[in-house]
Amino acid sequence: MFDVQPHRESRYRTLGLAAEYYVPRVARQFLLDIHAALQECGSEMVLKRKREIGRILHPRYRSVVEQLSRSSGFTAVDPEISALRVIEACAAVISMPFTSTALLGESS
């Protein structure tokens, strides 16, 4: 699974942007729903973040990733690993939002 990590609200303000769809509430629920669905199917969820963003990562999002990391059927992949390498090792690709990783998954 590839996603967009929500930033702290202050980061959006610094850039002059409104807090948009990729807010912690939506991103957290997305992760939890996908994990639950995959658990029901007996599949594992692999989360590949685009990059390490440090302190600008929203703390509620960081919290849910840490929570999932302690559960079965979840693996967080180092952001430095190639997206293509992850895609080639997986049965399916889920991207939020629809990004190049979705296109790579479709062509693999």
PDB file of N, CA and C in Angstrom:
ATOM      1  N   MET A   1       0.824  -1.158   0.000  1.00  0.00           N
ATOM      2  CA  MET A   1       0.000   0.000   0.000  1.00  0.00           C
ATOM      3  C   MET A   1       0.880   1.237   0.000  1.00  0.00           C
ATOM      4  N   PHE A   2       0.534   2.166  -0.839  1.00  0.00           N
ATOM      5  CA  PHE A   2       1.270   3.424  -0.938  1.00  0.00           C
ATOM      6  C   PHE A   2       0.308   4.548  -0.557  1.00  0.00           C
ATOM      7  N   ASP A   3       0.764   5.455   0.269  1.00  0.00           N
ATOM      8  CA  ASP A   3      -0.119   6.534   0.688  1.00  0.00           C
ATOM      9  C   ASP A   3       0.608   7.866   0.717  1.00  0.00           C
ATOM     10  N   VAL A   4      -0.149   8.889   1.064  1.00  0.00           N
ATOM     11  CA  VAL A   4       0.406  10.221   1.305  1.00  0.00           C
ATOM     12  C   VAL A   4       0.359  10.423   2.808  1.00  0.00           C
ATOM     13  N   GLN A   5       1.492  10.733   3.387  1.00  0.00           N
ATOM     14  CA  GLN A   5       1.565  10.939   4.834  1.00  0.00           C
ATOM     15  C   GLN A   5       1.074  12.341   5.167  1.00  0.00           C
ATOM     16  N   PRO A   6       0.082  12.447   6.030  1.00  0.00           N
ATOM     17  CA  PRO A   6      -0.388  13.789   6.388  1.00  0.00           C
ATOM     18  C   PRO A   6       0.645  14.535   7.228  1.00  0.00           C
ATOM     19  N   HIS A   7       0.803  15.792   6.900  1.00  0.00           N
ATOM     20  CA  HIS A   7       1.730  16.654   7.638  1.00  0.00           C
ATOM     21  C   HIS A   7       0.994  17.301   8.802  1.00  0.00           C
ATOM     22  N   ARG A   8       1.763  17.873   9.698  1.00  0.00           N
ATOM     23  CA  ARG A   8       1.179  18.685  10.758  1.00  0.00           C
ATOM     24  C   ARG A   8       0.463  19.867  10.109  1.00  0.00           C
ATOM     25  N   GLU A   9      -0.610  20.317  10.735  1.00  0.00           N
ATOM     26  CA  GLU A   9      -1.376  21.435  10.178  1.00  0.00           C
ATOM     27  C   GLU A   9      -0.513  22.673   9.977  1.00  0.00           C
ATOM     28  N   SER A  10       0.458  22.880  10.852  1.00  0.00           N
ATOM     29  CA  SER A  10       1.330  24.048  10.728  1.00  0.00           C
ATOM     30  C   SER A  10       2.115  24.019   9.418  1.00  0.00           C
ATOM     31  N   ARG A  11       2.431  22.838   8.934  1.00  0.00           N
ATOM     32  CA  ARG A  11       3.170  22.706   7.663  1.00  0.00           C
ATOM     33  C   ARG A  11       2.317  23.219   6.507  1.00  0.00           C
ATOM     34  N   TYR A  12       1.026  22.882   6.497  1.00  0.00           N
ATOM     35  CA  TYR A  12       0.142  23.367   5.437  1.00  0.00           C
ATOM     36  C   TYR A  12       0.034  24.887   5.483  1.00  0.00           C
ATOM     37  N   ARG A  13      -0.054  25.428   6.709  1.00  0.00           N
ATOM     38  CA  ARG A  13      -0.150  26.891   6.855  1.00  0.00           C
ATOM     39  C   ARG A  13       1.118  27.578   6.368  1.00  0.00           C
ATOM     40  N   THR A  14       2.272  26.997   6.677  1.00  0.00           N
ATOM     41  CA  THR A  14       3.549  27.566   6.234  1.00  0.00           C
ATOM     42  C   THR A  14       3.611  27.655   4.714  1.00  0.00           C
ATOM     43  N   LEU A  15       3.038  26.655   4.055  1.00  0.00           N
ATOM     44  CA  LEU A  15       3.043  26.628   2.590  1.00  0.00           C
ATOM     45  C   LEU A  15       1.893  27.426   1.980  1.00  0.00           C
ATOM     46  N   GLY A  16       1.014  27.955   2.839  1.00  0.00           N
ATOM     47  CA  GLY A  16      -0.128  28.721   2.348  1.00  0.00           C
ATOM     48  C   GLY A  16      -1.224  27.840   1.789  1.00  0.00           C
ATOM     49  N   LEU A  17      -1.281  26.585   2.238  1.00  0.00           N
ATOM     50  CA  LEU A  17      -2.281  25.641   1.749  1.00  0.00           C
ATOM     51  C   LEU A  17      -3.329  25.367   2.820  1.00  0.00           C
ATOM     52  N   ALA A  18      -4.514  25.084   2.361  1.00  0.00           N
ATOM     53  CA  ALA A  18      -5.549  24.643   3.297  1.00  0.00           C
ATOM     54  C   ALA A  18      -5.272  23.181   3.627  1.00  0.00           C
ATOM     55  N   ALA A  19      -5.582  22.753   4.834  1.00  0.00           N
ATOM     56  CA  ALA A  19      -5.484  21.336   5.165  1.00  0.00           C
ATOM     57  C   ALA A  19      -6.473  20.637   4.248  1.00  0.00           C
ATOM     58  N   GLU A  20      -6.012  19.672   3.512  1.00  0.00           N
ATOM     59  CA  GLU A  20      -6.820  19.076   2.469  1.00  0.00           C
ATOM     60  C   GLU A  20      -7.325  17.698   2.834  1.00  0.00           C
ATOM     61  N   TYR A  21      -7.606  16.895   1.842  1.00  0.00           N
ATOM     62  CA  TYR A  21      -8.155  15.560   2.028  1.00  0.00           C
ATOM     63  C   TYR A  21      -7.218  14.647   2.814  1.00  0.00           C
ATOM     64  N   TYR A  22      -5.932  14.826   2.668  1.00  0.00           N
ATOM     65  CA  TYR A  22      -4.966  13.932   3.305  1.00  0.00           C
ATOM     66  C   TYR A  22      -4.689  14.363   4.736  1.00  0.00           C
ATOM     67  N   VAL A  23      -5.747  14.454   5.485  1.00  0.00           N
ATOM     68  CA  VAL A  23      -5.662  14.814   6.897  1.00  0.00           C
ATOM     69  C   VAL A  23      -5.584  13.530   7.714  1.00  0.00           C
ATOM     70  N   PRO A  24      -5.117  13.602   8.946  1.00  0.00           N
ATOM     71  CA  PRO A  24      -4.936  12.403   9.758  1.00  0.00           C
ATOM     72  C   PRO A  24      -6.181  11.523   9.876  1.00  0.00           C
ATOM     73  N   ARG A  25      -7.339  12.126  10.063  1.00  0.00           N
ATOM     74  CA  ARG A  25      -8.560  11.336  10.238  1.00  0.00           C
ATOM     75  C   ARG A  25      -8.806  10.428   9.029  1.00  0.00           C
ATOM     76  N   VAL A  26      -8.682  10.962   7.829  1.00  0.00           N
ATOM     77  CA  VAL A  26      -8.923  10.192   6.603  1.00  0.00           C
ATOM     78  C   VAL A  26      -7.811   9.164   6.397  1.00  0.00           C
ATOM     79  N   ALA A  27      -6.568   9.585   6.548  1.00  0.00           N
ATOM     80  CA  ALA A  27      -5.436   8.684   6.330  1.00  0.00           C
ATOM     81  C   ALA A  27      -5.418   7.538   7.342  1.00  0.00           C
ATOM     82  N   ARG A  28      -5.720   7.831   8.592  1.00  0.00           N
ATOM     83  CA  ARG A  28      -5.764   6.794   9.637  1.00  0.00           C
ATOM     84  C   ARG A  28      -6.840   5.772   9.323  1.00  0.00           C
ATOM     85  N   GLN A  29      -8.040   6.261   8.987  1.00  0.00           N
ATOM     86  CA  GLN A  29      -9.152   5.352   8.709  1.00  0.00           C
ATOM     87  C   GLN A  29      -8.859   4.503   7.481  1.00  0.00           C
ATOM     88  N   PHE A  30      -8.222   5.099   6.492  1.00  0.00           N
ATOM     89  CA  PHE A  30      -7.844   4.366   5.284  1.00  0.00           C
ATOM     90  C   PHE A  30      -6.920   3.200   5.646  1.00  0.00           C
ATOM     91  N   LEU A  31      -5.881   3.479   6.421  1.00  0.00           N
ATOM     92  CA  LEU A  31      -4.950   2.421   6.834  1.00  0.00           C
ATOM     93  C   LEU A  31      -5.663   1.329   7.626  1.00  0.00           C
ATOM     94  N   LEU A  32      -6.479   1.729   8.585  1.00  0.00           N
ATOM     95  CA  LEU A  32      -7.171   0.754   9.430  1.00  0.00           C
ATOM     96  C   LEU A  32      -8.156  -0.090   8.627  1.00  0.00           C
ATOM     97  N   ASP A  33      -8.885   0.527   7.694  1.00  0.00           N
ATOM     98  CA  ASP A  33      -9.846  -0.215   6.877  1.00  0.00           C
ATOM     99  C   ASP A  33      -9.145  -1.219   5.964  1.00  0.00           C
ATOM    100  N   ILE A  34      -8.077  -0.795   5.326  1.00  0.00           N
ATOM    101  CA  ILE A  34      -7.336  -1.698   4.432  1.00  0.00           C
ATOM    102  C   ILE A  34      -6.755  -2.857   5.241  1.00  0.00           C
ATOM    103  N   HIS A  35      -6.171  -2.562   6.387  1.00  0.00           N
ATOM    104  CA  HIS A  35      -5.598  -3.619   7.226  1.00  0.00           C
ATOM    105  C   HIS A  35      -6.667  -4.618   7.644  1.00  0.00           C
ATOM    106  N   ALA A  36      -7.829  -4.133   8.083  1.00  0.00           N
ATOM    107  CA  ALA A  36      -8.922  -5.018   8.511  1.00  0.00           C
ATOM    108  C   ALA A  36      -9.406  -5.893   7.360  1.00  0.00           C
ATOM    109  N   ALA A  37      -9.562  -5.312   6.183  1.00  0.00           N
ATOM    110  CA  ALA A  37     -10.019  -6.079   5.021  1.00  0.00           C
ATOM    111  C   ALA A  37      -9.009  -7.163   4.649  1.00  0.00           C
ATOM    112  N   LEU A  38      -7.733  -6.821   4.693  1.00  0.00           N
ATOM    113  CA  LEU A  38      -6.703  -7.804   4.351  1.00  0.00           C
ATOM    114  C   LEU A  38      -6.608  -8.905   5.400  1.00  0.00           C
ATOM    115  N   GLN A  39      -6.813  -8.558   6.651  1.00  0.00           N
ATOM    116  CA  GLN A  39      -6.819  -9.558   7.711  1.00  0.00           C
ATOM    117  C   GLN A  39      -7.941 -10.565   7.487  1.00  0.00           C
ATOM    118  N   GLU A  40      -9.115 -10.088   7.089  1.00  0.00           N
ATOM    119  CA  GLU A  40     -10.248 -10.979   6.812  1.00  0.00           C
ATOM    120  C   GLU A  40      -9.938 -11.951   5.677  1.00  0.00           C
ATOM    121  N   CYS A  41      -9.121 -11.506   4.731  1.00  0.00           N
ATOM    122  CA  CYS A  41      -8.757 -12.346   3.578  1.00  0.00           C
ATOM    123  C   CYS A  41      -7.537 -13.217   3.866  1.00  0.00           C
ATOM    124  N   GLY A  42      -6.926 -13.020   5.031  1.00  0.00           N
ATOM    125  CA  GLY A  42      -5.721 -13.765   5.357  1.00  0.00           C
ATOM    126  C   GLY A  42      -4.481 -13.247   4.637  1.00  0.00           C
ATOM    127  N   SER A  43      -4.524 -11.973   4.249  1.00  0.00           N
ATOM    128  CA  SER A  43      -3.393 -11.360   3.541  1.00  0.00           C
ATOM    129  C   SER A  43      -2.666 -10.376   4.441  1.00  0.00           C
ATOM    130  N   GLU A  44      -1.458 -10.062   4.057  1.00  0.00           N
ATOM    131  CA  GLU A  44      -0.643  -9.121   4.826  1.00  0.00           C
ATOM    132  C   GLU A  44      -0.629  -7.763   4.142  1.00  0.00           C
ATOM    133  N   MET A  45      -0.575  -6.714   4.941  1.00  0.00           N
ATOM    134  CA  MET A  45      -0.485  -5.351   4.427  1.00  0.00           C
ATOM    135  C   MET A  45       0.955  -4.879   4.534  1.00  0.00           C
ATOM    136  N   VAL A  46       1.454  -4.351   3.436  1.00  0.00           N
ATOM    137  CA  VAL A  46       2.802  -3.780   3.402  1.00  0.00           C
ATOM    138  C   VAL A  46       2.638  -2.303   3.080  1.00  0.00           C
ATOM    139  N   LEU A  47       3.121  -1.452   3.958  1.00  0.00           N
ATOM    140  CA  LEU A  47       3.027  -0.006   3.770  1.00  0.00           C
ATOM    141  C   LEU A  47       4.376   0.532   3.331  1.00  0.00           C
ATOM    142  N   LYS A  48       4.383   1.193   2.194  1.00  0.00           N
ATOM    143  CA  LYS A  48       5.607   1.824   1.682  1.00  0.00           C
ATOM    144  C   LYS A  48       5.365   3.329   1.653  1.00  0.00           C
ATOM    145  N   ARG A  49       6.058   4.032   2.527  1.00  0.00           N
ATOM    146  CA  ARG A  49       5.982   5.493   2.533  1.00  0.00           C
ATOM    147  C   ARG A  49       6.906   6.046   1.460  1.00  0.00           C
ATOM    148  N   LYS A  50       6.550   7.195   0.937  1.00  0.00           N
ATOM    149  CA  LYS A  50       7.346   7.791  -0.135  1.00  0.00           C
ATOM    150  C   LYS A  50       8.721   8.235   0.365  1.00  0.00           C
ATOM    151  N   ARG A  51       8.730   8.845   1.533  1.00  0.00           N
ATOM    152  CA  ARG A  51      10.002   9.327   2.094  1.00  0.00           C
ATOM    153  C   ARG A  51       9.843   9.514   3.592  1.00  0.00           C
ATOM    154  N   GLU A  52      10.950   9.635   4.263  1.00  0.00           N
ATOM    155  CA  GLU A  52      10.956   9.955   5.698  1.00  0.00           C
ATOM    156  C   GLU A  52      10.801  11.470   5.814  1.00  0.00           C
ATOM    157  N   ILE A  53       9.743  11.929   6.502  1.00  0.00           N
ATOM    158  CA  ILE A  53       9.509  13.372   6.592  1.00  0.00           C
ATOM    159  C   ILE A  53       9.712  13.914   8.004  1.00  0.00           C
ATOM    160  N   GLY A  54      10.147  13.055   8.909  1.00  0.00           N
ATOM    161  CA  GLY A  54      10.525  13.509  10.244  1.00  0.00           C
ATOM    162  C   GLY A  54       9.433  14.189  11.023  1.00  0.00           C
ATOM    163  N   ARG A  55       9.761  15.339  11.600  1.00  0.00           N
ATOM    164  CA  ARG A  55       8.867  16.041  12.533  1.00  0.00           C
ATOM    165  C   ARG A  55       7.623  16.634  11.890  1.00  0.00           C
ATOM    166  N   ILE A  56       7.611  16.770  10.551  1.00  0.00           N
ATOM    167  CA  ILE A  56       6.403  17.345   9.942  1.00  0.00           C
ATOM    168  C   ILE A  56       5.305  16.290   9.756  1.00  0.00           C
ATOM    169  N   LEU A  57       5.623  15.009  10.004  1.00  0.00           N
ATOM    170  CA  LEU A  57       4.604  13.966   9.966  1.00  0.00           C
ATOM    171  C   LEU A  57       3.622  14.201  11.106  1.00  0.00           C
ATOM    172  N   HIS A  58       2.348  14.122  10.800  1.00  0.00           N
ATOM    173  CA  HIS A  58       1.338  14.374  11.828  1.00  0.00           C
ATOM    174  C   HIS A  58       1.428  13.285  12.903  1.00  0.00           C
ATOM    175  N   PRO A  59       1.432  13.661  14.186  1.00  0.00           N
ATOM    176  CA  PRO A  59       1.596  12.680  15.258  1.00  0.00           C
ATOM    177  C   PRO A  59       0.484  11.623  15.322  1.00  0.00           C
ATOM    178  N   ARG A  60      -0.740  11.970  14.944  1.00  0.00           N
ATOM    179  CA  ARG A  60      -1.823  10.977  14.971  1.00  0.00           C
ATOM    180  C   ARG A  60      -1.620   9.928  13.882  1.00  0.00           C
ATOM    181  N   TYR A  61      -1.054  10.343  12.752  1.00  0.00           N
ATOM    182  CA  TYR A  61      -0.760   9.388  11.687  1.00  0.00           C
ATOM    183  C   TYR A  61       0.393   8.476  12.122  1.00  0.00           C
ATOM    184  N   ARG A  62       1.434   9.073  12.687  1.00  0.00           N
ATOM    185  CA  ARG A  62       2.570   8.287  13.186  1.00  0.00           C
ATOM    186  C   ARG A  62       2.083   7.249  14.202  1.00  0.00           C
ATOM    187  N   SER A  63       1.145   7.661  15.033  1.00  0.00           N
ATOM    188  CA  SER A  63       0.603   6.782  16.059  1.00  0.00           C
ATOM    189  C   SER A  63      -0.090   5.554  15.463  1.00  0.00           C
ATOM    190  N   VAL A  64      -0.887   5.753  14.423  1.00  0.00           N
ATOM    191  CA  VAL A  64      -1.593   4.601  13.837  1.00  0.00           C
ATOM    192  C   VAL A  64      -0.619   3.671  13.121  1.00  0.00           C
ATOM    193  N   VAL A  65       0.407   4.207  12.506  1.00  0.00           N
ATOM    194  CA  VAL A  65       1.412   3.345  11.863  1.00  0.00           C
ATOM    195  C   VAL A  65       2.140   2.532  12.931  1.00  0.00           C
ATOM    196  N   GLU A  66       2.483   3.154  14.043  1.00  0.00           N
ATOM    197  CA  GLU A  66       3.128   2.432  15.138  1.00  0.00           C
ATOM    198  C   GLU A  66       2.199   1.367  15.715  1.00  0.00           C
ATOM    199  N   GLN A  67       0.924   1.704  15.852  1.00  0.00           N
ATOM    200  CA  GLN A  67      -0.072   0.742  16.345  1.00  0.00           C
ATOM    201  C   GLN A  67      -0.164  -0.455  15.402  1.00  0.00           C
ATOM    202  N   LEU A  68      -0.258  -0.204  14.114  1.00  0.00           N
ATOM    203  CA  LEU A  68      -0.335  -1.297  13.142  1.00  0.00           C
ATOM    204  C   LEU A  68       0.950  -2.120  13.131  1.00  0.00           C
ATOM    205  N   SER A  69       2.091  -1.472  13.338  1.00  0.00           N
ATOM    206  CA  SER A  69       3.379  -2.178  13.341  1.00  0.00           C
ATOM    207  C   SER A  69       3.463  -3.221  14.445  1.00  0.00           C
ATOM    208  N   ARG A  70       2.693  -3.032  15.498  1.00  0.00           N
ATOM    209  CA  ARG A  70       2.675  -3.985  16.605  1.00  0.00           C
ATOM    210  C   ARG A  70       1.659  -5.107  16.379  1.00  0.00           C
ATOM    211  N   SER A  71       0.883  -5.016  15.311  1.00  0.00           N
ATOM    212  CA  SER A  71      -0.142  -6.030  15.050  1.00  0.00           C
ATOM    213  C   SER A  71       0.348  -7.029  14.004  1.00  0.00           C
ATOM    214  N   SER A  72      -0.345  -8.142  13.932  1.00  0.00           N
ATOM    215  CA  SER A  72       0.033  -9.149  12.936  1.00  0.00           C
ATOM    216  C   SER A  72      -0.484  -8.726  11.568  1.00  0.00           C
ATOM    217  N   GLY A  73       0.172  -9.200  10.545  1.00  0.00           N
ATOM    218  CA  GLY A  73      -0.276  -8.936   9.187  1.00  0.00           C
ATOM    219  C   GLY A  73       0.041  -7.549   8.678  1.00  0.00           C
ATOM    220  N   PHE A  74       1.032  -6.903   9.266  1.00  0.00           N
ATOM    221  CA  PHE A  74       1.403  -5.548   8.832  1.00  0.00           C
ATOM    222  C   PHE A  74       2.917  -5.414   8.816  1.00  0.00           C
ATOM    223  N   THR A  75       3.429  -4.864   7.725  1.00  0.00           N
ATOM    224  CA  THR A  75       4.853  -4.577   7.617  1.00  0.00           C
ATOM    225  C   THR A  75       5.024  -3.184   7.040  1.00  0.00           C
ATOM    226  N   ALA A  76       5.820  -2.360   7.695  1.00  0.00           N
ATOM    227  CA  ALA A  76       6.182  -1.044   7.166  1.00  0.00           C
ATOM    228  C   ALA A  76       7.550  -1.188   6.506  1.00  0.00           C
ATOM    229  N   VAL A  77       7.626  -0.804   5.251  1.00  0.00           N
ATOM    230  CA  VAL A  77       8.854  -0.922   4.472  1.00  0.00           C
ATOM    231  C   VAL A  77       9.634   0.381   4.551  1.00  0.00           C
ATOM    232  N   ASP A  78      10.942   0.278   4.633  1.00  0.00           N
ATOM    233  CA  ASP A  78      11.806   1.455   4.657  1.00  0.00           C
ATOM    234  C   ASP A  78      11.540   2.321   3.421  1.00  0.00           C
ATOM    235  N   PRO A  79      11.326   3.626   3.603  1.00  0.00           N
ATOM    236  CA  PRO A  79      11.063   4.507   2.467  1.00  0.00           C
ATOM    237  C   PRO A  79      12.168   4.514   1.413  1.00  0.00           C
ATOM    238  N   GLU A  80      13.379   4.127   1.790  1.00  0.00           N
ATOM    239  CA  GLU A  80      14.494   4.124   0.839  1.00  0.00           C
ATOM    240  C   GLU A  80      14.420   2.978  -0.173  1.00  0.00           C
ATOM    241  N   ILE A  81      13.606   1.970   0.110  1.00  0.00           N
ATOM    242  CA  ILE A  81      13.478   0.837  -0.808  1.00  0.00           C
ATOM    243  C   ILE A  81      12.663   1.273  -2.014  1.00  0.00           C
ATOM    244  N   SER A  82      13.063   0.822  -3.182  1.00  0.00           N
ATOM    245  CA  SER A  82      12.397   1.168  -4.428  1.00  0.00           C
ATOM    246  C   SER A  82      10.932   0.715  -4.425  1.00  0.00           C
ATOM    247  N   ALA A  83      10.054   1.605  -4.870  1.00  0.00           N
ATOM    248  CA  ALA A  83       8.632   1.263  -4.981  1.00  0.00           C
ATOM    249  C   ALA A  83       8.446   0.084  -5.929  1.00  0.00           C
ATOM    250  N   LEU A  84       9.191   0.060  -7.006  1.00  0.00           N
ATOM    251  CA  LEU A  84       9.076  -1.032  -7.978  1.00  0.00           C
ATOM    252  C   LEU A  84       9.458  -2.372  -7.351  1.00  0.00           C
ATOM    253  N   ARG A  85      10.475  -2.358  -6.526  1.00  0.00           N
ATOM    254  CA  ARG A  85      10.898  -3.586  -5.835  1.00  0.00           C
ATOM    255  C   ARG A  85       9.786  -4.104  -4.920  1.00  0.00           C
ATOM    256  N   VAL A  86       9.110  -3.218  -4.233  1.00  0.00           N
ATOM    257  CA  VAL A  86       8.002  -3.603  -3.357  1.00  0.00           C
ATOM    258  C   VAL A  86       6.852  -4.140  -4.200  1.00  0.00           C
ATOM    259  N   ILE A  87       6.511  -3.440  -5.270  1.00  0.00           N
ATOM    260  CA  ILE A  87       5.404  -3.848  -6.137  1.00  0.00           C
ATOM    261  C   ILE A  87       5.635  -5.242  -6.707  1.00  0.00           C
ATOM    262  N   GLU A  88       6.853  -5.511  -7.138  1.00  0.00           N
ATOM    263  CA  GLU A  88       7.167  -6.816  -7.730  1.00  0.00           C
ATOM    264  C   GLU A  88       7.000  -7.965  -6.732  1.00  0.00           C
ATOM    265  N   ALA A  89       7.088  -7.663  -5.443  1.00  0.00           N
ATOM    266  CA  ALA A  89       6.969  -8.698  -4.409  1.00  0.00           C
ATOM    267  C   ALA A  89       5.549  -8.840  -3.877  1.00  0.00           C
ATOM    268  N   CYS A  90       4.616  -8.044  -4.401  1.00  0.00           N
ATOM    269  CA  CYS A  90       3.248  -8.034  -3.869  1.00  0.00           C
ATOM    270  C   CYS A  90       2.236  -8.567  -4.883  1.00  0.00           C
ATOM    271  N   ALA A  91       1.098  -9.004  -4.370  1.00  0.00           N
ATOM    272  CA  ALA A  91       0.017  -9.519  -5.217  1.00  0.00           C
ATOM    273  C   ALA A  91      -0.866  -8.400  -5.756  1.00  0.00           C
ATOM    274  N   ALA A  92      -0.935  -7.280  -5.052  1.00  0.00           N
ATOM    275  CA  ALA A  92      -1.791  -6.170  -5.459  1.00  0.00           C
ATOM    276  C   ALA A  92      -1.208  -4.860  -4.944  1.00  0.00           C
ATOM    277  N   VAL A  93      -1.653  -3.767  -5.530  1.00  0.00           N
ATOM    278  CA  VAL A  93      -1.193  -2.435  -5.136  1.00  0.00           C
ATOM    279  C   VAL A  93      -2.407  -1.562  -4.855  1.00  0.00           C
ATOM    280  N   ILE A  94      -2.363  -0.866  -3.732  1.00  0.00           N
ATOM    281  CA  ILE A  94      -3.385   0.121  -3.378  1.00  0.00           C
ATOM    282  C   ILE A  94      -2.649   1.434  -3.179  1.00  0.00           C
ATOM    283  N   SER A  95      -3.106   2.457  -3.861  1.00  0.00           N
ATOM    284  CA  SER A  95      -2.462   3.765  -3.753  1.00  0.00           C
ATOM    285  C   SER A  95      -3.485   4.818  -3.359  1.00  0.00           C
ATOM    286  N   MET A  96      -3.103   5.644  -2.398  1.00  0.00           N
ATOM    287  CA  MET A  96      -3.913   6.799  -2.006  1.00  0.00           C
ATOM    288  C   MET A  96      -2.985   7.998  -1.941  1.00  0.00           C
ATOM    289  N   PRO A  97      -3.107   8.921  -2.836  1.00  0.00           N
ATOM    290  CA  PRO A  97      -4.028   9.021  -3.958  1.00  0.00           C
ATOM    291  C   PRO A  97      -3.531   8.175  -5.129  1.00  0.00           C
ATOM    292  N   PHE A  98      -4.272   8.229  -6.225  1.00  0.00           N
ATOM    293  CA  PHE A  98      -3.854   7.545  -7.433  1.00  0.00           C
ATOM    294  C   PHE A  98      -2.568   8.223  -7.903  1.00  0.00           C
ATOM    295  N   THR A  99      -1.460   7.490  -7.838  1.00  0.00           N
ATOM    296  CA  THR A  99      -0.156   8.060  -8.168  1.00  0.00           C
ATOM    297  C   THR A  99       0.590   7.131  -9.116  1.00  0.00           C
ATOM    298  N   SER A 100       1.825   7.448  -9.370  1.00  0.00           N
ATOM    299  CA  SER A 100       2.642   6.617 -10.261  1.00  0.00           C
ATOM    300  C   SER A 100       2.765   5.194  -9.745  1.00  0.00           C
ATOM    301  N   THR A 101       2.678   4.981  -8.436  1.00  0.00           N
ATOM    302  CA  THR A 101       2.768   3.616  -7.918  1.00  0.00           C
ATOM    303  C   THR A 101       1.584   2.769  -8.394  1.00  0.00           C
ATOM    304  N   ALA A 102       0.423   3.386  -8.556  1.00  0.00           N
ATOM    305  CA  ALA A 102      -0.736   2.663  -9.093  1.00  0.00           C
ATOM    306  C   ALA A 102      -0.468   2.267 -10.535  1.00  0.00           C
ATOM    307  N   LEU A 103       0.126   3.151 -11.303  1.00  0.00           N
ATOM    308  CA  LEU A 103       0.451   2.842 -12.696  1.00  0.00           C
ATOM    309  C   LEU A 103       1.518   1.757 -12.777  1.00  0.00           C
ATOM    310  N   LEU A 104       2.521   1.824 -11.915  1.00  0.00           N
ATOM    311  CA  LEU A 104       3.547   0.773 -11.874  1.00  0.00           C
ATOM    312  C   LEU A 104       2.935  -0.571 -11.508  1.00  0.00           C
ATOM    313  N   GLY A 105       2.022  -0.576 -10.550  1.00  0.00           N
ATOM    314  CA  GLY A 105       1.358  -1.800 -10.147  1.00  0.00           C
ATOM    315  C   GLY A 105       0.527  -2.392 -11.256  1.00  0.00           C
ATOM    316  N   GLU A 106      -0.135  -1.537 -12.005  1.00  0.00           N
ATOM    317  CA  GLU A 106      -0.971  -1.996 -13.106  1.00  0.00           C
ATOM    318  C   GLU A 106      -0.138  -2.625 -14.213  1.00  0.00           C
ATOM    319  N   SER A 107       1.049  -2.084 -14.447  1.00  0.00           N
ATOM    320  CA  SER A 107       1.891  -2.603 -15.538  1.00  0.00           C
ATOM    321  C   SER A 107       2.740  -3.797 -15.111  1.00  0.00           C
ATOM    322  N   SER A 108       2.797  -4.108 -13.804  1.00  0.00           N
ATOM    323  CA  SER A 108       3.623  -5.223 -13.342  1.00  0.00           C
ATOM    324  C   SER A 108       2.857  -6.518 -13.344  1.00  0.00           C
TER     325      SER A 108
END
